[in-house]
Amino acid sequence: MNAVIELQTQRPVALELYKDFKELGRFMLRYSGSSIAAGVVTETPQVSSTLFSYKKENSLGLR
Protein backbone atom coordinates (compact mmCIF):
# COMPACT_ATOMS: atom_id res chain seq x y z
CA MET A 1 0.00 0.00 0.00
CA ASN A 2 1.31 3.48 -0.89
CA ALA A 3 0.17 6.93 0.15
CA VAL A 4 1.32 10.53 -0.14
CA ILE A 5 0.83 12.30 3.18
CA GLU A 6 1.62 15.65 4.77
CA LEU A 7 2.77 15.67 8.40
CA GLN A 8 2.76 18.56 10.83
CA THR A 9 4.86 18.22 14.00
CA GLN A 10 4.73 20.09 17.29
CA ARG A 11 8.53 20.50 17.32
CA PRO A 12 11.18 20.80 14.61
CA VAL A 13 12.35 17.48 13.16
CA ALA A 14 15.59 16.92 11.23
CA LEU A 15 14.66 15.58 7.79
CA GLU A 16 16.23 15.57 4.36
CA LEU A 17 15.06 14.34 1.00
CA TYR A 18 15.67 10.60 0.68
CA LYS A 19 17.36 11.08 -2.71
CA ASP A 20 19.89 13.51 -1.16
CA PHE A 21 20.57 11.95 2.25
CA LYS A 22 19.23 8.44 2.77
CA GLU A 23 19.83 8.33 6.55
CA LEU A 24 17.73 11.46 7.23
CA GLY A 25 15.28 10.75 4.42
CA ARG A 26 13.44 7.93 6.17
CA PHE A 27 10.83 8.15 8.91
CA MET A 28 8.76 5.89 11.12
CA LEU A 29 5.55 6.73 12.96
CA ARG A 30 4.94 5.05 16.29
CA TYR A 31 1.90 4.97 18.55
CA SER A 32 1.70 3.32 21.97
CA GLY A 33 4.97 1.48 21.40
CA SER A 34 3.95 0.07 18.01
CA SER A 35 5.19 1.07 14.57
CA ILE A 36 2.16 2.17 12.55
CA ALA A 37 3.81 3.56 9.40
CA ALA A 38 7.17 4.05 7.71
CA GLY A 39 8.24 5.92 4.63
CA VAL A 40 10.66 8.16 2.81
CA VAL A 41 10.76 11.94 2.44
CA THR A 42 10.09 12.99 -1.16
CA GLU A 43 9.38 16.69 -0.59
CA THR A 44 9.92 19.25 2.18
CA PRO A 45 8.45 22.74 2.56
CA GLN A 46 10.71 25.75 2.15
CA VAL A 47 11.26 27.35 5.56
CA SER A 48 12.85 30.77 5.74
CA SER A 49 15.98 30.91 7.89
CA THR A 50 14.67 34.12 9.51
CA LEU A 51 11.56 32.35 10.76
CA PHE A 52 13.62 29.44 12.09
CA SER A 53 16.04 31.80 13.88
CA TYR A 54 13.18 33.68 15.51
CA LYS A 55 11.50 30.51 16.75
CA LYS A 56 14.81 29.10 18.01
CA GLU A 57 15.62 32.29 19.94
CA ASN A 58 12.15 32.45 21.47
CA SER A 59 12.26 28.83 22.57
CA LEU A 60 15.40 29.72 24.56
CA GLY A 61 13.67 32.70 26.17
CA LEU A 62 15.73 35.23 24.17
CA ARG A 63 14.45 38.35 22.41
C-alpha atoms as a PDB file:
ATOM      1  CA  MET A   1       0.000   0.000   0.000  1.00  0.00           C
ATOM      2  CA  ASN A   2       1.306   3.481  -0.892  1.00  0.00           C
ATOM      3  CA  ALA A   3       0.171   6.934   0.153  1.00  0.00           C
ATOM      4  CA  VAL A   4       1.319  10.526  -0.143  1.00  0.00           C
ATOM      5  CA  ILE A   5       0.834  12.298   3.177  1.00  0.00           C
ATOM      6  CA  GLU A   6       1.623  15.647   4.767  1.00  0.00           C
ATOM      7  CA  LEU A   7       2.770  15.667   8.398  1.00  0.00           C
ATOM      8  CA  GLN A   8       2.761  18.555  10.831  1.00  0.00           C
ATOM      9  CA  THR A   9       4.856  18.218  13.997  1.00  0.00           C
ATOM     10  CA  GLN A  10       4.731  20.090  17.287  1.00  0.00           C
ATOM     11  CA  ARG A  11       8.527  20.502  17.319  1.00  0.00           C
ATOM     12  CA  PRO A  12      11.184  20.802  14.612  1.00  0.00           C
ATOM     13  CA  VAL A  13      12.346  17.484  13.156  1.00  0.00           C
ATOM     14  CA  ALA A  14      15.585  16.925  11.230  1.00  0.00           C
ATOM     15  CA  LEU A  15      14.657  15.582   7.789  1.00  0.00           C
ATOM     16  CA  GLU A  16      16.232  15.574   4.357  1.00  0.00           C
ATOM     17  CA  LEU A  17      15.064  14.335   1.001  1.00  0.00           C
ATOM     18  CA  TYR A  18      15.675  10.603   0.682  1.00  0.00           C
ATOM     19  CA  LYS A  19      17.355  11.082  -2.712  1.00  0.00           C
ATOM     20  CA  ASP A  20      19.887  13.508  -1.164  1.00  0.00           C
ATOM     21  CA  PHE A  21      20.575  11.954   2.248  1.00  0.00           C
ATOM     22  CA  LYS A  22      19.231   8.443   2.771  1.00  0.00           C
ATOM     23  CA  GLU A  23      19.829   8.325   6.546  1.00  0.00           C
ATOM     24  CA  LEU A  24      17.728  11.459   7.234  1.00  0.00           C
ATOM     25  CA  GLY A  25      15.280  10.753   4.425  1.00  0.00           C
ATOM     26  CA  ARG A  26      13.436   7.926   6.174  1.00  0.00           C
ATOM     27  CA  PHE A  27      10.829   8.151   8.914  1.00  0.00           C
ATOM     28  CA  MET A  28       8.757   5.886  11.119  1.00  0.00           C
ATOM     29  CA  LEU A  29       5.547   6.726  12.956  1.00  0.00           C
ATOM     30  CA  ARG A  30       4.945   5.052  16.291  1.00  0.00           C
ATOM     31  CA  TYR A  31       1.895   4.966  18.551  1.00  0.00           C
ATOM     32  CA  SER A  32       1.703   3.321  21.974  1.00  0.00           C
ATOM     33  CA  GLY A  33       4.972   1.483  21.402  1.00  0.00           C
ATOM     34  CA  SER A  34       3.955   0.066  18.006  1.00  0.00           C
ATOM     35  CA  SER A  35       5.187   1.070  14.575  1.00  0.00           C
ATOM     36  CA  ILE A  36       2.164   2.168  12.547  1.00  0.00           C
ATOM     37  CA  ALA A  37       3.811   3.562   9.397  1.00  0.00           C
ATOM     38  CA  ALA A  38       7.168   4.049   7.709  1.00  0.00           C
ATOM     39  CA  GLY A  39       8.239   5.924   4.633  1.00  0.00           C
ATOM     40  CA  VAL A  40      10.663   8.162   2.809  1.00  0.00           C
ATOM     41  CA  VAL A  41      10.761  11.944   2.441  1.00  0.00           C
ATOM     42  CA  THR A  42      10.088  12.985  -1.157  1.00  0.00           C
ATOM     43  CA  GLU A  43       9.379  16.687  -0.591  1.00  0.00           C
ATOM     44  CA  THR A  44       9.918  19.251   2.176  1.00  0.00           C
ATOM     45  CA  PRO A  45       8.445  22.742   2.561  1.00  0.00           C
ATOM     46  CA  GLN A  46      10.715  25.747   2.147  1.00  0.00           C
ATOM     47  CA  VAL A  47      11.264  27.347   5.565  1.00  0.00           C
ATOM     48  CA  SER A  48      12.854  30.767   5.737  1.00  0.00           C
ATOM     49  CA  SER A  49      15.981  30.906   7.893  1.00  0.00           C
ATOM     50  CA  THR A  50      14.673  34.120   9.507  1.00  0.00           C
ATOM     51  CA  LEU A  51      11.555  32.353  10.763  1.00  0.00           C
ATOM     52  CA  PHE A  52      13.622  29.444  12.088  1.00  0.00           C
ATOM     53  CA  SER A  53      16.043  31.798  13.877  1.00  0.00           C
ATOM     54  CA  TYR A  54      13.182  33.682  15.510  1.00  0.00           C
ATOM     55  CA  LYS A  55      11.503  30.506  16.754  1.00  0.00           C
ATOM     56  CA  LYS A  56      14.809  29.101  18.005  1.00  0.00           C
ATOM     57  CA  GLU A  57      15.624  32.285  19.944  1.00  0.00           C
ATOM     58  CA  ASN A  58      12.153  32.454  21.473  1.00  0.00           C
ATOM     59  CA  SER A  59      12.265  28.826  22.571  1.00  0.00           C
ATOM     60  CA  LEU A  60      15.396  29.716  24.562  1.00  0.00           C
ATOM     61  CA  GLY A  61      13.666  32.704  26.171  1.00  0.00           C
ATOM     62  CA  LEU A  62      15.728  35.233  24.170  1.00  0.00           C
ATOM     63  CA  ARG A  63      14.446  38.352  22.406  1.00  0.00           C
END
